[in-house]
Amino acid sequence: MTVRQLPAADRTAAPWRNGGGVTREVAAAPDGSWRVSLAEVAADGPFSVFPGLDRVLTVVDGPGLELTVGDRPPIAVHPLRPFAFPGDLPTTGRLLPSPPAGPVTALNLMTRHGHPATVEMPTTGADLRPAAGRTQLAVALEGHDALLVSHPSTAPAPPGPFVLLTF
């Protein structure tokens, strides 16, 4: 039962496991059941494989990505449209449009297989009010400051547009 402010300025860049970019952790569960990060994608290439994890990627800055997950056909992931995929399949990303218009920042939610999670783009600034046993994370689209709220706490939604993750 907590409310925590998570300023973007407090995050440290860390190299991707595969060396292809950098990520900044926003928040993570102490038991490893979920993790949220912001990844900077500046070039086409492979994503790291995360066995046992499900992923939801949401482009929050930039024109978008084309992802190829396993042997599925490529799919365009447009800004502010969450895309779920298994973390244990080989995945490659290509910056959109072609040629790339610039880098992309992607909000990544990773959860253990079977751990329920949602990613939404709320249209109103209603209070954050997670259900019993759940946690909500609001990440502002401007500046990427975040607010983490665990049940039974509540908090006002951040001003301006944000991404709401529930896990």
C-alpha atoms as a PDB file:
ATOM      1  CA  MET A   1       0.000   0.000   0.000  1.00  0.00           C
ATOM      2  CA  THR A   2       2.219   2.695  -1.355  1.00  0.00           C
ATOM      3  CA  VAL A   3       2.339   5.652  -3.693  1.00  0.00           C
ATOM      4  CA  ARG A   4       5.776   6.360  -5.156  1.00  0.00           C
ATOM      5  CA  GLN A   5       6.902   9.167  -7.434  1.00  0.00           C
ATOM      6  CA  LEU A   6       9.430   7.881  -9.997  1.00  0.00           C
ATOM      7  CA  PRO A   7      11.088  10.875 -11.696  1.00  0.00           C
ATOM      8  CA  ALA A   8      12.624  10.259 -15.116  1.00  0.00           C
ATOM      9  CA  ALA A   9      15.722  12.211 -14.036  1.00  0.00           C
ATOM     10  CA  ASP A  10      16.526   9.490 -11.463  1.00  0.00           C
ATOM     11  CA  ARG A  11      16.869   6.699 -14.065  1.00  0.00           C
ATOM     12  CA  THR A  12      20.225   5.425 -15.243  1.00  0.00           C
ATOM     13  CA  ALA A  13      20.802   4.136 -18.772  1.00  0.00           C
ATOM     14  CA  ALA A  14      21.873   0.491 -18.955  1.00  0.00           C
ATOM     15  CA  PRO A  15      22.991  -1.379 -22.080  1.00  0.00           C
ATOM     16  CA  TRP A  16      20.627  -3.979 -23.507  1.00  0.00           C
ATOM     17  CA  ARG A  17      21.543  -7.576 -22.791  1.00  0.00           C
ATOM     18  CA  ASN A  18      22.365  -8.004 -26.488  1.00  0.00           C
ATOM     19  CA  GLY A  19      24.313  -4.716 -26.660  1.00  0.00           C
ATOM     20  CA  GLY A  20      21.998  -3.183 -29.290  1.00  0.00           C
ATOM     21  CA  GLY A  21      20.705  -0.185 -27.340  1.00  0.00           C
ATOM     22  CA  VAL A  22      19.989   1.217 -23.903  1.00  0.00           C
ATOM     23  CA  THR A  23      17.149   0.928 -21.441  1.00  0.00           C
ATOM     24  CA  ARG A  24      16.102   2.784 -18.319  1.00  0.00           C
ATOM     25  CA  GLU A  25      14.189   0.824 -15.694  1.00  0.00           C
ATOM     26  CA  VAL A  26      11.061   2.636 -14.521  1.00  0.00           C
ATOM     27  CA  ALA A  27       9.974   0.103 -11.879  1.00  0.00           C
ATOM     28  CA  ALA A  28      10.118  -3.614 -11.089  1.00  0.00           C
ATOM     29  CA  ALA A  29       8.461  -6.022  -8.670  1.00  0.00           C
ATOM     30  CA  PRO A  30      10.763  -7.279  -5.912  1.00  0.00           C
ATOM     31  CA  ASP A  31       9.693 -10.859  -6.728  1.00  0.00           C
ATOM     32  CA  GLY A  32      10.499 -10.468 -10.450  1.00  0.00           C
ATOM     33  CA  SER A  33       6.887 -10.933 -11.592  1.00  0.00           C
ATOM     34  CA  TRP A  34       6.973  -7.702 -13.648  1.00  0.00           C
ATOM     35  CA  ARG A  35       9.357  -5.021 -14.899  1.00  0.00           C
ATOM     36  CA  VAL A  36       8.737  -1.770 -16.778  1.00  0.00           C
ATOM     37  CA  SER A  37      11.435   0.062 -18.715  1.00  0.00           C
ATOM     38  CA  LEU A  38      11.917   2.663 -21.427  1.00  0.00           C
ATOM     39  CA  ALA A  39      14.144   1.538 -24.294  1.00  0.00           C
ATOM     40  CA  GLU A  40      15.829   3.792 -26.814  1.00  0.00           C
ATOM     41  CA  VAL A  41      15.872   2.178 -30.249  1.00  0.00           C
ATOM     42  CA  ALA A  42      18.171   4.062 -32.621  1.00  0.00           C
ATOM     43  CA  ALA A  43      18.831   1.340 -35.217  1.00  0.00           C
ATOM     44  CA  ASP A  44      17.315  -1.787 -36.719  1.00  0.00           C
ATOM     45  CA  GLY A  45      18.277  -5.068 -35.082  1.00  0.00           C
ATOM     46  CA  PRO A  46      17.459  -7.992 -32.815  1.00  0.00           C
ATOM     47  CA  PHE A  47      15.727  -7.712 -29.458  1.00  0.00           C
ATOM     48  CA  SER A  48      16.937  -9.663 -26.439  1.00  0.00           C
ATOM     49  CA  VAL A  49      15.162 -12.957 -25.773  1.00  0.00           C
ATOM     50  CA  PHE A  50      13.523 -13.288 -22.345  1.00  0.00           C
ATOM     51  CA  PRO A  51      12.492 -16.922 -21.700  1.00  0.00           C
ATOM     52  CA  GLY A  52       9.432 -17.281 -19.469  1.00  0.00           C
ATOM     53  CA  LEU A  53       8.303 -13.681 -19.939  1.00  0.00           C
ATOM     54  CA  ASP A  54       5.462 -12.009 -21.835  1.00  0.00           C
ATOM     55  CA  ARG A  55       6.058  -8.534 -23.248  1.00  0.00           C
ATOM     56  CA  VAL A  56       3.936  -5.532 -24.147  1.00  0.00           C
ATOM     57  CA  LEU A  57       5.744  -2.857 -26.163  1.00  0.00           C
ATOM     58  CA  THR A  58       4.259   0.632 -26.582  1.00  0.00           C
ATOM     59  CA  VAL A  59       6.008   3.226 -28.735  1.00  0.00           C
ATOM     60  CA  VAL A  60       5.859   6.489 -26.745  1.00  0.00           C
ATOM     61  CA  ASP A  61       8.196   8.651 -28.879  1.00  0.00           C
ATOM     62  CA  GLY A  62       9.051   8.413 -32.565  1.00  0.00           C
ATOM     63  CA  PRO A  63       7.324   7.118 -35.685  1.00  0.00           C
ATOM     64  CA  GLY A  64       7.067   3.419 -34.768  1.00  0.00           C
ATOM     65  CA  LEU A  65       8.656   0.039 -35.290  1.00  0.00           C
ATOM     66  CA  GLU A  66       8.114  -2.969 -37.489  1.00  0.00           C
ATOM     67  CA  LEU A  67       8.528  -6.119 -35.393  1.00  0.00           C
ATOM     68  CA  THR A  68       9.106  -9.651 -36.615  1.00  0.00           C
ATOM     69  CA  VAL A  69       8.341 -12.104 -33.807  1.00  0.00           C
ATOM     70  CA  GLY A  70       9.434 -15.689 -34.371  1.00  0.00           C
ATOM     71  CA  ASP A  71       8.222 -16.882 -37.780  1.00  0.00           C
ATOM     72  CA  ARG A  72       5.193 -14.554 -37.842  1.00  0.00           C
ATOM     73  CA  PRO A  73       4.873 -11.945 -40.595  1.00  0.00           C
ATOM     74  CA  PRO A  74       6.246  -8.486 -39.702  1.00  0.00           C
ATOM     75  CA  ILE A  75       3.796  -6.138 -37.981  1.00  0.00           C
ATOM     76  CA  ALA A  76       3.894  -2.354 -37.731  1.00  0.00           C
ATOM     77  CA  VAL A  77       3.720  -1.084 -34.149  1.00  0.00           C
ATOM     78  CA  HIS A  78       2.451   2.493 -34.256  1.00  0.00           C
ATOM     79  CA  PRO A  79       2.795   5.061 -31.467  1.00  0.00           C
ATOM     80  CA  LEU A  80       0.544   4.588 -28.434  1.00  0.00           C
ATOM     81  CA  ARG A  81      -0.780   1.202 -29.617  1.00  0.00           C
ATOM     82  CA  PRO A  82       0.389  -1.503 -27.204  1.00  0.00           C
ATOM     83  CA  PHE A  83       1.656  -4.682 -28.859  1.00  0.00           C
ATOM     84  CA  ALA A  84       1.873  -7.940 -26.875  1.00  0.00           C
ATOM     85  CA  PHE A  85       4.276 -10.741 -27.797  1.00  0.00           C
ATOM     86  CA  PRO A  86       6.096 -13.644 -26.117  1.00  0.00           C
ATOM     87  CA  GLY A  87       9.514 -12.688 -24.800  1.00  0.00           C
ATOM     88  CA  ASP A  88      10.929 -16.138 -25.501  1.00  0.00           C
ATOM     89  CA  LEU A  89      10.638 -15.851 -29.298  1.00  0.00           C
ATOM     90  CA  PRO A  90      13.443 -14.293 -31.355  1.00  0.00           C
ATOM     91  CA  THR A  91      12.307 -10.771 -32.295  1.00  0.00           C
ATOM     92  CA  THR A  92      13.795  -8.176 -34.614  1.00  0.00           C
ATOM     93  CA  GLY A  93      12.837  -4.541 -34.940  1.00  0.00           C
ATOM     94  CA  ARG A  94      13.042  -2.114 -37.823  1.00  0.00           C
ATOM     95  CA  LEU A  95      12.504   1.616 -37.440  1.00  0.00           C
ATOM     96  CA  LEU A  96       9.554   3.074 -39.363  1.00  0.00           C
ATOM     97  CA  PRO A  97       9.142   4.521 -41.900  1.00  0.00           C
ATOM     98  CA  SER A  98      11.718   3.193 -44.305  1.00  0.00           C
ATOM     99  CA  PRO A  99      14.193   4.881 -44.473  1.00  0.00           C
ATOM    100  CA  PRO A 100      13.893   5.546 -40.739  1.00  0.00           C
ATOM    101  CA  ALA A 101      12.653   8.970 -39.678  1.00  0.00           C
ATOM    102  CA  GLY A 102      14.560   8.784 -36.414  1.00  0.00           C
ATOM    103  CA  PRO A 103      14.910   6.949 -33.126  1.00  0.00           C
ATOM    104  CA  VAL A 104      12.051   5.455 -31.128  1.00  0.00           C
ATOM    105  CA  THR A 105      11.433   5.269 -27.396  1.00  0.00           C
ATOM    106  CA  ALA A 106       9.439   2.197 -26.385  1.00  0.00           C
ATOM    107  CA  LEU A 107       7.793   1.515 -23.047  1.00  0.00           C
ATOM    108  CA  ASN A 108       8.270  -2.177 -22.245  1.00  0.00           C
ATOM    109  CA  LEU A 109       6.211  -4.183 -19.794  1.00  0.00           C
ATOM    110  CA  MET A 110       7.600  -7.643 -19.080  1.00  0.00           C
ATOM    111  CA  THR A 111       5.691 -10.107 -16.906  1.00  0.00           C
ATOM    112  CA  ARG A 112       6.100 -13.744 -16.014  1.00  0.00           C
ATOM    113  CA  HIS A 113       3.997 -16.049 -18.228  1.00  0.00           C
ATOM    114  CA  GLY A 114       0.469 -16.075 -16.858  1.00  0.00           C
ATOM    115  CA  HIS A 115       0.841 -12.921 -14.730  1.00  0.00           C
ATOM    116  CA  PRO A 116      -2.137 -10.725 -15.681  1.00  0.00           C
ATOM    117  CA  ALA A 117      -1.251  -7.280 -17.017  1.00  0.00           C
ATOM    118  CA  THR A 118      -2.803  -4.534 -19.132  1.00  0.00           C
ATOM    119  CA  VAL A 119      -1.525  -1.428 -20.900  1.00  0.00           C
ATOM    120  CA  GLU A 120      -4.016   1.346 -21.633  1.00  0.00           C
ATOM    121  CA  MET A 121      -4.142   4.913 -22.935  1.00  0.00           C
ATOM    122  CA  PRO A 122      -6.711   6.562 -20.632  1.00  0.00           C
ATOM    123  CA  THR A 123      -8.798   9.354 -22.114  1.00  0.00           C
ATOM    124  CA  THR A 124      -9.472  10.963 -18.741  1.00  0.00           C
ATOM    125  CA  GLY A 125      -7.387  11.758 -15.698  1.00  0.00           C
ATOM    126  CA  ALA A 126      -9.361   9.577 -13.265  1.00  0.00           C
ATOM    127  CA  ASP A 127      -7.709   8.582 -10.002  1.00  0.00           C
ATOM    128  CA  LEU A 128      -5.346   5.631  -9.953  1.00  0.00           C
ATOM    129  CA  ARG A 129      -7.175   3.025  -7.926  1.00  0.00           C
ATOM    130  CA  PRO A 130      -5.723  -0.488  -8.303  1.00  0.00           C
ATOM    131  CA  ALA A 131      -7.897  -3.481  -7.427  1.00  0.00           C
ATOM    132  CA  ALA A 132      -7.014  -5.779  -4.533  1.00  0.00           C
ATOM    133  CA  GLY A 133      -3.635  -7.431  -5.078  1.00  0.00           C
ATOM    134  CA  ARG A 134      -2.833  -5.207  -8.072  1.00  0.00           C
ATOM    135  CA  THR A 135      -0.472  -2.324  -8.809  1.00  0.00           C
ATOM    136  CA  GLN A 136      -0.830   0.528 -11.294  1.00  0.00           C
ATOM    137  CA  LEU A 137       1.915   2.537 -12.942  1.00  0.00           C
ATOM    138  CA  ALA A 138       1.171   5.774 -14.789  1.00  0.00           C
ATOM    139  CA  VAL A 139       3.960   6.969 -17.109  1.00  0.00           C
ATOM    140  CA  ALA A 140       3.613  10.514 -18.437  1.00  0.00           C
ATOM    141  CA  LEU A 141       4.072  10.852 -22.188  1.00  0.00           C
ATOM    142  CA  GLU A 142       5.773  14.225 -21.691  1.00  0.00           C
ATOM    143  CA  GLY A 143       9.069  13.683 -19.874  1.00  0.00           C
ATOM    144  CA  HIS A 144       8.272  10.092 -18.761  1.00  0.00           C
ATOM    145  CA  ASP A 145       7.933  10.767 -15.027  1.00  0.00           C
ATOM    146  CA  ALA A 146       5.971   7.938 -13.405  1.00  0.00           C
ATOM    147  CA  LEU A 147       3.681   7.271 -10.454  1.00  0.00           C
ATOM    148  CA  LEU A 148       3.458   3.775  -8.903  1.00  0.00           C
ATOM    149  CA  VAL A 149       0.360   2.970  -6.829  1.00  0.00           C
ATOM    150  CA  SER A 150      -0.214  -0.315  -4.963  1.00  0.00           C
ATOM    151  CA  HIS A 151      -3.560  -1.429  -3.532  1.00  0.00           C
ATOM    152  CA  PRO A 152      -5.212  -0.160  -1.356  1.00  0.00           C
ATOM    153  CA  SER A 153      -3.669   3.267  -1.979  1.00  0.00           C
ATOM    154  CA  THR A 154      -5.109   5.725  -4.496  1.00  0.00           C
ATOM    155  CA  ALA A 155      -3.629   8.791  -6.163  1.00  0.00           C
ATOM    156  CA  PRO A 156      -4.711  11.423  -8.664  1.00  0.00           C
ATOM    157  CA  ALA A 157      -3.692  10.667 -12.234  1.00  0.00           C
ATOM    158  CA  PRO A 158      -0.775  12.698 -13.552  1.00  0.00           C
ATOM    159  CA  PRO A 159      -1.572  15.826 -15.545  1.00  0.00           C
ATOM    160  CA  GLY A 160      -1.529  15.450 -19.318  1.00  0.00           C
ATOM    161  CA  PRO A 161      -1.535  12.245 -21.362  1.00  0.00           C
ATOM    162  CA  PHE A 162      -0.059   9.092 -19.852  1.00  0.00           C
ATOM    163  CA  VAL A 163       0.206   5.331 -20.311  1.00  0.00           C
ATOM    164  CA  LEU A 164      -1.477   3.253 -17.577  1.00  0.00           C
ATOM    165  CA  LEU A 165      -0.071  -0.180 -16.784  1.00  0.00           C
ATOM    166  CA  THR A 166      -1.827  -2.545 -14.387  1.00  0.00           C
ATOM    167  CA  PHE A 167      -0.232  -5.728 -13.058  1.00  0.00           C
END
